[in-house]
Amino acid sequence: MLPVFILEDDPRQRTVLDAIINNYILIEDLDMKLILSTDKPQDVLDHLEKDDKKPGLYFLDVELNDDMDGITLGKKIRKLDPSGSIVFITSHGDLAMTIFKHKIEALDYIVKDRDLDALKVRIIECIQAFQMLQTSLNKGQSPQSQRFFKVHVGKKTHLISFDETMFFQNSDTPNRIDLHLENRRIQFRGTLKEILTIAPTFIQVHRSVVVNRLKIKAIDLEKSELEMINGARCIYSTRGLRELKKAMSIEAYNKI
C-alpha cells in the first residue's frame, strides 16, 4: 500500500486536503493510504526513519511556522525516499523558481487559491501520476525502459507515456522543444541532447528532430520524411537515416 503524507500548518487547509485525498482513494479503491497529516515537518522525518521505505507521495506546504520550511523538508525527504514524489503547495507562485534552484525534483507546484474545484483537480492529477509512475517502477523496469518519463512545463510536471510519444522537434523559440504526442503537442524547455538520454528507442534523425523509432510507420525517400503511426510527419537527414537503419538493424525500406 502506497503511503501519502500531508504537511500543512493551516488547519482549515489541511482538513480540505485530507478530505480530497481520502475521498478519492476511497471512491477509486486505490492501493494507497493517507498515513500522516501534520503541521510539523519533524513528524514526517520521524515516520520515514522508522518506516518500511515504500515510496511515498508528499504534499508539502512551503511556508511554515516552524524552524524547518517545506523546501528544507523536501531535500531531506529526497535523501530518505529517492523514489517518492513531492508536491509543493504554496501561496506564492514565484517560489517555484526557488524550489527549482534547490534541485528538488517535484511532481507539481500547486498555488493556493479560493477555487476549491481547481485544487481538487490538481490533487487528483498528482495522485494519478504518482500511481502510474510507481506501477512502472514496481514492474522492475529501469529508468530507460519505464513506460513514462517526465517533462516540466512551467510550474507543472507532466508524466508522459512512451506509447503516445511520436517525436521531439526544436521549437522556433530558443531552448524549447515541441513534443509531438499521439493526439496533442506539448512545448517545454530542454535540448535534444537531453532527450537522447531518456531511452534507447529515441533516435536523432535530424539536427532538429529526435524520433521514437517504435512509432515509425513508413519512410518517404522522395521527401526525406518519416511518417508516424498517427499520420504526423517529420524530416530526416542522410546521416539520420543511417543512424535509424543502424538502430533498427534494417538494410532497406519500402518507398511510400
C-alpha atoms as a PDB file:
ATOM      1  CA  MET A   1       0.000   0.000   0.000  1.00  0.00           C
ATOM      2  CA  LEU A   2       1.473   3.328  -1.092  1.00  0.00           C
ATOM      3  CA  PRO A   3       1.669   5.972   1.662  1.00  0.00           C
ATOM      4  CA  VAL A   4       0.528   9.584   1.304  1.00  0.00           C
ATOM      5  CA  PHE A   5       1.713  12.426   3.552  1.00  0.00           C
ATOM      6  CA  ILE A   6       0.386  15.941   4.128  1.00  0.00           C
ATOM      7  CA  LEU A   7       2.325  18.772   5.734  1.00  0.00           C
ATOM      8  CA  GLU A   8       0.180  21.892   6.172  1.00  0.00           C
ATOM      9  CA  ASP A   9       0.182  24.275   9.125  1.00  0.00           C
ATOM     10  CA  ASP A  10      -3.203  25.853   8.323  1.00  0.00           C
ATOM     11  CA  PRO A  11      -5.821  23.590   9.990  1.00  0.00           C
ATOM     12  CA  ARG A  12      -8.530  24.546   7.511  1.00  0.00           C
ATOM     13  CA  GLN A  13      -6.317  23.891   4.502  1.00  0.00           C
ATOM     14  CA  ARG A  14      -5.174  20.605   5.996  1.00  0.00           C
ATOM     15  CA  THR A  15      -8.782  19.489   6.518  1.00  0.00           C
ATOM     16  CA  VAL A  16      -9.567  20.250   2.886  1.00  0.00           C
ATOM     17  CA  LEU A  17      -6.541  18.286   1.643  1.00  0.00           C
ATOM     18  CA  ASP A  18      -7.393  15.372   3.942  1.00  0.00           C
ATOM     19  CA  ALA A  19     -10.929  15.203   2.565  1.00  0.00           C
ATOM     20  CA  ILE A  20      -9.928  15.415  -1.118  1.00  0.00           C
ATOM     21  CA  ILE A  21      -7.285  12.716  -0.813  1.00  0.00           C
ATOM     22  CA  ASN A  22      -9.228  10.324   1.412  1.00  0.00           C
ATOM     23  CA  ASN A  23     -12.392  10.595  -0.679  1.00  0.00           C
ATOM     24  CA  TYR A  24     -10.564   9.952  -3.945  1.00  0.00           C
ATOM     25  CA  ILE A  25      -8.679   6.946  -2.541  1.00  0.00           C
ATOM     26  CA  LEU A  26     -11.956   5.521  -1.203  1.00  0.00           C
ATOM     27  CA  ILE A  27     -14.025   6.128  -4.351  1.00  0.00           C
ATOM     28  CA  GLU A  28     -11.376   4.741  -6.705  1.00  0.00           C
ATOM     29  CA  ASP A  29     -10.435   1.925  -4.301  1.00  0.00           C
ATOM     30  CA  LEU A  30      -6.737   2.709  -4.670  1.00  0.00           C
ATOM     31  CA  ASP A  31      -3.959   0.762  -3.009  1.00  0.00           C
ATOM     32  CA  MET A  32      -2.938   3.929  -1.172  1.00  0.00           C
ATOM     33  CA  LYS A  33      -3.462   5.380   2.286  1.00  0.00           C
ATOM     34  CA  LEU A  34      -3.131   8.785   3.911  1.00  0.00           C
ATOM     35  CA  ILE A  35      -0.581   7.787   6.534  1.00  0.00           C
ATOM     36  CA  LEU A  36       0.165  11.149   8.121  1.00  0.00           C
ATOM     37  CA  SER A  37      -1.393  14.600   8.104  1.00  0.00           C
ATOM     38  CA  THR A  38       0.523  17.069  10.272  1.00  0.00           C
ATOM     39  CA  ASP A  39       1.749  20.626  10.743  1.00  0.00           C
ATOM     40  CA  LYS A  40       5.182  19.521  11.976  1.00  0.00           C
ATOM     41  CA  PRO A  41       7.959  18.701   9.477  1.00  0.00           C
ATOM     42  CA  GLN A  42       9.784  16.548  12.006  1.00  0.00           C
ATOM     43  CA  ASP A  43       6.746  14.218  12.192  1.00  0.00           C
ATOM     44  CA  VAL A  44       7.304  13.314   8.537  1.00  0.00           C
ATOM     45  CA  LEU A  45      11.005  12.647   9.051  1.00  0.00           C
ATOM     46  CA  ASP A  46      10.372  10.589  12.180  1.00  0.00           C
ATOM     47  CA  HIS A  47       7.921   8.423  10.287  1.00  0.00           C
ATOM     48  CA  LEU A  48      10.298   7.893   7.366  1.00  0.00           C
ATOM     49  CA  GLU A  49      13.163   6.869   9.623  1.00  0.00           C
ATOM     50  CA  LYS A  50      11.126   4.004  11.087  1.00  0.00           C
ATOM     51  CA  ASP A  51       9.004   3.163   8.020  1.00  0.00           C
ATOM     52  CA  ASP A  52       9.404   0.191   5.654  1.00  0.00           C
ATOM     53  CA  LYS A  53      10.676   2.593   2.989  1.00  0.00           C
ATOM     54  CA  LYS A  54       7.848   2.287   0.468  1.00  0.00           C
ATOM     55  CA  PRO A  55       7.869   5.250  -1.958  1.00  0.00           C
ATOM     56  CA  GLY A  56       5.524   7.959  -0.733  1.00  0.00           C
ATOM     57  CA  LEU A  57       3.533  10.852  -2.143  1.00  0.00           C
ATOM     58  CA  TYR A  58       4.183  14.064  -0.200  1.00  0.00           C
ATOM     59  CA  PHE A  59       2.036  17.213  -0.256  1.00  0.00           C
ATOM     60  CA  LEU A  60       4.208  19.866   1.401  1.00  0.00           C
ATOM     61  CA  ASP A  61       3.287  23.405   2.337  1.00  0.00           C
ATOM     62  CA  VAL A  62       6.295  25.609   1.590  1.00  0.00           C
ATOM     63  CA  GLU A  63       5.818  28.382   4.163  1.00  0.00           C
ATOM     64  CA  LEU A  64       5.549  27.024   7.694  1.00  0.00           C
ATOM     65  CA  ASN A  65       5.563  28.402  11.225  1.00  0.00           C
ATOM     66  CA  ASP A  66       8.484  26.157  12.040  1.00  0.00           C
ATOM     67  CA  ASP A  67      12.281  26.222  12.032  1.00  0.00           C
ATOM     68  CA  MET A  68      12.140  23.922   9.001  1.00  0.00           C
ATOM     69  CA  ASP A  69      10.261  25.033   5.880  1.00  0.00           C
ATOM     70  CA  GLY A  70       8.791  22.809   3.169  1.00  0.00           C
ATOM     71  CA  ILE A  71      11.775  23.196   0.837  1.00  0.00           C
ATOM     72  CA  THR A  72      14.237  22.060   3.504  1.00  0.00           C
ATOM     73  CA  LEU A  73      11.981  19.139   4.344  1.00  0.00           C
ATOM     74  CA  GLY A  74      11.735  18.261   0.657  1.00  0.00           C
ATOM     75  CA  LYS A  75      15.528  17.994   0.419  1.00  0.00           C
ATOM     76  CA  LYS A  76      15.598  15.691   3.451  1.00  0.00           C
ATOM     77  CA  ILE A  77      12.753  13.559   2.055  1.00  0.00           C
ATOM     78  CA  ARG A  78      14.572  13.171  -1.251  1.00  0.00           C
ATOM     79  CA  LYS A  79      17.530  11.591   0.609  1.00  0.00           C
ATOM     80  CA  LEU A  80      15.327   9.228   2.637  1.00  0.00           C
ATOM     81  CA  ASP A  81      12.868   8.395  -0.138  1.00  0.00           C
ATOM     82  CA  PRO A  82      14.550   8.896  -3.549  1.00  0.00           C
ATOM     83  CA  SER A  83      11.714   7.150  -5.410  1.00  0.00           C
ATOM     84  CA  GLY A  84       8.964   9.185  -3.762  1.00  0.00           C
ATOM     85  CA  SER A  85       7.046  12.072  -5.361  1.00  0.00           C
ATOM     86  CA  ILE A  86       6.882  15.549  -3.845  1.00  0.00           C
ATOM     87  CA  VAL A  87       4.154  18.113  -4.475  1.00  0.00           C
ATOM     88  CA  PHE A  88       4.769  21.614  -3.147  1.00  0.00           C
ATOM     89  CA  ILE A  89       1.804  23.733  -2.098  1.00  0.00           C
ATOM     90  CA  THR A  90       2.388  27.461  -1.731  1.00  0.00           C
ATOM     91  CA  SER A  91       0.600  30.784  -1.507  1.00  0.00           C
ATOM     92  CA  HIS A  92       3.228  32.390  -3.731  1.00  0.00           C
ATOM     93  CA  GLY A  93       3.622  31.212  -7.313  1.00  0.00           C
ATOM     94  CA  ASP A  94       7.023  32.860  -7.646  1.00  0.00           C
ATOM     95  CA  LEU A  95       8.501  30.346  -5.197  1.00  0.00           C
ATOM     96  CA  ALA A  96       8.574  27.704  -7.933  1.00  0.00           C
ATOM     97  CA  MET A  97      11.896  29.065  -9.222  1.00  0.00           C
ATOM     98  CA  THR A  98      13.335  28.960  -5.698  1.00  0.00           C
ATOM     99  CA  ILE A  99      12.354  25.307  -5.441  1.00  0.00           C
ATOM    100  CA  PHE A 100      13.927  24.621  -8.843  1.00  0.00           C
ATOM    101  CA  LYS A 101      17.219  26.200  -7.730  1.00  0.00           C
ATOM    102  CA  HIS A 102      17.375  23.780  -4.809  1.00  0.00           C
ATOM    103  CA  LYS A 103      17.322  20.930  -7.383  1.00  0.00           C
ATOM    104  CA  ILE A 104      14.383  19.170  -5.752  1.00  0.00           C
ATOM    105  CA  GLU A 105      12.552  17.216  -8.435  1.00  0.00           C
ATOM    106  CA  ALA A 106       8.885  17.981  -7.815  1.00  0.00           C
ATOM    107  CA  LEU A 107       5.868  16.247  -9.315  1.00  0.00           C
ATOM    108  CA  ASP A 108       3.903  19.511  -9.214  1.00  0.00           C
ATOM    109  CA  TYR A 109       3.665  23.014  -7.717  1.00  0.00           C
ATOM    110  CA  ILE A 110       0.193  23.953  -6.570  1.00  0.00           C
ATOM    111  CA  VAL A 111      -0.616  27.575  -5.750  1.00  0.00           C
ATOM    112  CA  LYS A 112      -3.268  28.002  -3.068  1.00  0.00           C
ATOM    113  CA  ASP A 113      -6.332  29.920  -4.187  1.00  0.00           C
ATOM    114  CA  ARG A 114     -10.041  30.092  -3.453  1.00  0.00           C
ATOM    115  CA  ASP A 115     -11.038  27.778  -6.277  1.00  0.00           C
ATOM    116  CA  LEU A 116     -11.702  24.509  -4.483  1.00  0.00           C
ATOM    117  CA  ASP A 117     -12.608  22.657  -7.669  1.00  0.00           C
ATOM    118  CA  ALA A 118      -9.300  23.607  -9.322  1.00  0.00           C
ATOM    119  CA  LEU A 119      -7.394  22.478  -6.229  1.00  0.00           C
ATOM    120  CA  LYS A 120      -9.238  19.163  -6.244  1.00  0.00           C
ATOM    121  CA  VAL A 121      -8.382  18.559  -9.899  1.00  0.00           C
ATOM    122  CA  ARG A 122      -4.685  19.249  -9.325  1.00  0.00           C
ATOM    123  CA  ILE A 123      -4.537  16.983  -6.266  1.00  0.00           C
ATOM    124  CA  ILE A 124      -6.208  14.125  -8.139  1.00  0.00           C
ATOM    125  CA  GLU A 125      -3.861  14.574 -11.121  1.00  0.00           C
ATOM    126  CA  CYS A 126      -0.906  14.239  -8.756  1.00  0.00           C
ATOM    127  CA  ILE A 127      -2.304  11.057  -7.216  1.00  0.00           C
ATOM    128  CA  GLN A 128      -2.887   9.556 -10.667  1.00  0.00           C
ATOM    129  CA  ALA A 129       0.611  10.482 -11.883  1.00  0.00           C
ATOM    130  CA  PHE A 130       2.212   9.050  -8.739  1.00  0.00           C
ATOM    131  CA  GLN A 131       0.261   5.820  -9.086  1.00  0.00           C
ATOM    132  CA  MET A 132       1.254   5.385 -12.755  1.00  0.00           C
ATOM    133  CA  LEU A 133       4.894   6.068 -12.001  1.00  0.00           C
ATOM    134  CA  GLN A 134       5.027   3.561  -9.160  1.00  0.00           C
ATOM    135  CA  THR A 135       3.248   0.932 -11.266  1.00  0.00           C
ATOM    136  CA  SER A 136       6.006   1.132 -13.873  1.00  0.00           C
ATOM    137  CA  LEU A 137       8.730   1.011 -11.220  1.00  0.00           C
ATOM    138  CA  ASN A 138       7.153  -1.996  -9.499  1.00  0.00           C
ATOM    139  CA  LYS A 139       7.423  -3.956 -12.746  1.00  0.00           C
ATOM    140  CA  GLY A 140      11.185  -3.818 -12.359  1.00  0.00           C
ATOM    141  CA  GLN A 141      11.773  -1.521 -15.284  1.00  0.00           C
ATOM    142  CA  SER A 142      14.965   0.502 -15.430  1.00  0.00           C
ATOM    143  CA  PRO A 143      14.707   4.305 -15.771  1.00  0.00           C
ATOM    144  CA  GLN A 144      15.336   3.970 -19.524  1.00  0.00           C
ATOM    145  CA  SER A 145      12.641   1.332 -20.042  1.00  0.00           C
ATOM    146  CA  GLN A 146       9.864   2.735 -17.878  1.00  0.00           C
ATOM    147  CA  ARG A 147       6.510   3.340 -19.512  1.00  0.00           C
ATOM    148  CA  PHE A 148       6.616   7.016 -18.533  1.00  0.00           C
ATOM    149  CA  PHE A 149       9.019   9.945 -18.445  1.00  0.00           C
ATOM    150  CA  LYS A 150       8.686  13.461 -17.070  1.00  0.00           C
ATOM    151  CA  VAL A 151       8.729  16.862 -18.753  1.00  0.00           C
ATOM    152  CA  HIS A 152       8.428  20.167 -16.920  1.00  0.00           C
ATOM    153  CA  VAL A 153       6.109  22.822 -18.328  1.00  0.00           C
ATOM    154  CA  GLY A 154       6.223  25.998 -16.279  1.00  0.00           C
ATOM    155  CA  LYS A 155       5.336  25.102 -12.702  1.00  0.00           C
ATOM    156  CA  LYS A 156       3.856  21.735 -13.608  1.00  0.00           C
ATOM    157  CA  THR A 157       5.391  18.327 -14.242  1.00  0.00           C
ATOM    158  CA  HIS A 158       3.781  16.118 -16.912  1.00  0.00           C
ATOM    159  CA  LEU A 159       4.103  12.345 -16.836  1.00  0.00           C
ATOM    160  CA  ILE A 160       4.311  11.285 -20.499  1.00  0.00           C
ATOM    161  CA  SER A 161       3.697   7.761 -21.789  1.00  0.00           C
ATOM    162  CA  PHE A 162       6.237   6.303 -24.228  1.00  0.00           C
ATOM    163  CA  ASP A 163       3.283   4.727 -26.037  1.00  0.00           C
ATOM    164  CA  GLU A 164       1.915   8.129 -27.076  1.00  0.00           C
ATOM    165  CA  THR A 165       5.296   9.721 -27.917  1.00  0.00           C
ATOM    166  CA  MET A 166       5.908  10.241 -31.646  1.00  0.00           C
ATOM    167  CA  PHE A 167       8.849  12.674 -31.926  1.00  0.00           C
ATOM    168  CA  PHE A 168      10.595  15.737 -30.483  1.00  0.00           C
ATOM    169  CA  GLN A 169      11.441  18.802 -32.551  1.00  0.00           C
ATOM    170  CA  ASN A 170      13.338  22.000 -31.835  1.00  0.00           C
ATOM    171  CA  SER A 171      10.880  24.856 -31.470  1.00  0.00           C
ATOM    172  CA  ASP A 172      11.201  28.237 -33.161  1.00  0.00           C
ATOM    173  CA  THR A 173      11.558  29.564 -29.605  1.00  0.00           C
ATOM    174  CA  PRO A 174      15.164  29.172 -28.365  1.00  0.00           C
ATOM    175  CA  ASN A 175      15.814  26.356 -25.871  1.00  0.00           C
ATOM    176  CA  ARG A 176      12.312  24.962 -26.318  1.00  0.00           C
ATOM    177  CA  ILE A 177      11.248  21.525 -27.543  1.00  0.00           C
ATOM    178  CA  ASP A 178       7.963  20.672 -29.262  1.00  0.00           C
ATOM    179  CA  LEU A 179       6.863  17.205 -28.158  1.00  0.00           C
ATOM    180  CA  HIS A 180       4.519  15.588 -30.686  1.00  0.00           C
ATOM    181  CA  LEU A 181       2.271  13.058 -28.975  1.00  0.00           C
ATOM    182  CA  GLU A 182      -0.364  10.815 -30.492  1.00  0.00           C
ATOM    183  CA  ASN A 183      -3.209  13.312 -30.116  1.00  0.00           C
ATOM    184  CA  ARG A 184      -1.621  16.502 -28.744  1.00  0.00           C
ATOM    185  CA  ARG A 185       1.505  18.625 -28.515  1.00  0.00           C
ATOM    186  CA  ILE A 186       3.446  19.946 -25.534  1.00  0.00           C
ATOM    187  CA  GLN A 187       6.194  22.560 -25.541  1.00  0.00           C
ATOM    188  CA  PHE A 188       8.808  22.528 -22.796  1.00  0.00           C
ATOM    189  CA  ARG A 189      12.267  23.863 -22.028  1.00  0.00           C
ATOM    190  CA  GLY A 190      15.074  21.482 -22.931  1.00  0.00           C
ATOM    191  CA  THR A 191      17.511  20.214 -25.555  1.00  0.00           C
ATOM    192  CA  LEU A 192      17.541  17.247 -27.904  1.00  0.00           C
ATOM    193  CA  LYS A 193      20.790  16.128 -26.298  1.00  0.00           C
ATOM    194  CA  GLU A 194      18.903  15.677 -23.023  1.00  0.00           C
ATOM    195  CA  ILE A 195      16.080  13.825 -24.797  1.00  0.00           C
ATOM    196  CA  LEU A 196      18.503  11.224 -26.151  1.00  0.00           C
ATOM    197  CA  THR A 197      19.395  10.135 -22.605  1.00  0.00           C
ATOM    198  CA  ILE A 198      15.798   9.180 -21.758  1.00  0.00           C
ATOM    199  CA  ALA A 199      15.502   5.938 -23.746  1.00  0.00           C
ATOM    200  CA  PRO A 200      17.412   3.952 -26.385  1.00  0.00           C
ATOM    201  CA  THR A 201      14.342   4.000 -28.645  1.00  0.00           C
ATOM    202  CA  PHE A 202      14.759   7.781 -29.096  1.00  0.00           C
ATOM    203  CA  ILE A 203      16.952   8.310 -32.177  1.00  0.00           C
ATOM    204  CA  GLN A 204      18.189  11.624 -33.597  1.00  0.00           C
ATOM    205  CA  VAL A 205      17.287  11.615 -37.294  1.00  0.00           C
ATOM    206  CA  HIS A 206      17.966  15.299 -37.980  1.00  0.00           C
ATOM    207  CA  ARG A 207      19.776  18.073 -36.145  1.00  0.00           C
ATOM    208  CA  SER A 208      16.344  19.365 -35.106  1.00  0.00           C
ATOM    209  CA  VAL A 209      14.438  16.078 -34.647  1.00  0.00           C
ATOM    210  CA  VAL A 210      14.534  13.081 -32.295  1.00  0.00           C
ATOM    211  CA  VAL A 211      12.065  10.316 -33.119  1.00  0.00           C
ATOM    212  CA  ASN A 212      10.631   7.369 -31.210  1.00  0.00           C
ATOM    213  CA  ARG A 213      11.641   4.630 -33.676  1.00  0.00           C
ATOM    214  CA  LEU A 214       8.920   2.288 -32.360  1.00  0.00           C
ATOM    215  CA  LYS A 215       6.274   4.665 -33.690  1.00  0.00           C
ATOM    216  CA  ILE A 216       7.532   4.939 -37.281  1.00  0.00           C
ATOM    217  CA  LYS A 217       5.006   3.704 -39.859  1.00  0.00           C
ATOM    218  CA  ALA A 218       6.933   4.364 -43.073  1.00  0.00           C
ATOM    219  CA  ILE A 219       9.797   6.295 -44.634  1.00  0.00           C
ATOM    220  CA  ASP A 220       9.274   8.586 -47.600  1.00  0.00           C
ATOM    221  CA  LEU A 221      12.569   8.530 -49.519  1.00  0.00           C
ATOM    222  CA  GLU A 222      11.450  11.169 -52.018  1.00  0.00           C
ATOM    223  CA  LYS A 223      10.502  13.790 -49.429  1.00  0.00           C
ATOM    224  CA  SER A 224      13.054  12.701 -46.798  1.00  0.00           C
ATOM    225  CA  GLU A 225      10.268  12.381 -44.240  1.00  0.00           C
ATOM    226  CA  LEU A 226       9.205   9.839 -41.649  1.00  0.00           C
ATOM    227  CA  GLU A 227       5.537   9.038 -41.269  1.00  0.00           C
ATOM    228  CA  MET A 228       4.455   8.147 -37.749  1.00  0.00           C
ATOM    229  CA  ILE A 229       1.637   5.773 -36.834  1.00  0.00           C
ATOM    230  CA  ASN A 230      -0.661   8.713 -36.073  1.00  0.00           C
ATOM    231  CA  GLY A 231      -0.099  10.254 -39.514  1.00  0.00           C
ATOM    232  CA  ALA A 232       2.270  13.001 -38.338  1.00  0.00           C
ATOM    233  CA  ARG A 233       5.442  13.596 -40.349  1.00  0.00           C
ATOM    234  CA  CYS A 234       8.944  14.808 -39.560  1.00  0.00           C
ATOM    235  CA  ILE A 235      12.073  15.322 -41.626  1.00  0.00           C
ATOM    236  CA  TYR A 236      15.249  13.248 -41.521  1.00  0.00           C
ATOM    237  CA  SER A 237      18.769  13.759 -42.844  1.00  0.00           C
ATOM    238  CA  THR A 238      21.009  11.311 -44.715  1.00  0.00           C
ATOM    239  CA  ARG A 239      23.073  10.798 -41.604  1.00  0.00           C
ATOM    240  CA  GLY A 240      19.924  10.442 -39.538  1.00  0.00           C
ATOM    241  CA  LEU A 241      18.626   7.721 -41.836  1.00  0.00           C
ATOM    242  CA  ARG A 242      21.888   5.817 -41.438  1.00  0.00           C
ATOM    243  CA  GLU A 243      21.589   6.050 -37.656  1.00  0.00           C
ATOM    244  CA  LEU A 244      17.987   4.906 -37.840  1.00  0.00           C
ATOM    245  CA  LYS A 245      18.869   1.898 -40.018  1.00  0.00           C
ATOM    246  CA  LYS A 246      21.672   1.005 -37.663  1.00  0.00           C
ATOM    247  CA  ALA A 247      19.396   1.213 -34.620  1.00  0.00           C
ATOM    248  CA  MET A 248      16.648  -0.809 -36.235  1.00  0.00           C
ATOM    249  CA  SER A 249      19.020  -3.311 -37.896  1.00  0.00           C
ATOM    250  CA  ILE A 250      17.253  -2.867 -41.227  1.00  0.00           C
ATOM    251  CA  GLU A 251      19.053  -2.585 -44.591  1.00  0.00           C
ATOM    252  CA  ALA A 252      16.210  -1.437 -46.825  1.00  0.00           C
ATOM    253  CA  TYR A 253      12.928   0.419 -46.603  1.00  0.00           C
ATOM    254  CA  ASN A 254       9.901   0.426 -48.863  1.00  0.00           C
ATOM    255  CA  LYS A 255       9.202   3.673 -50.606  1.00  0.00           C
ATOM    256  CA  ILE A 256       5.773   5.199 -49.920  1.00  0.00           C
END
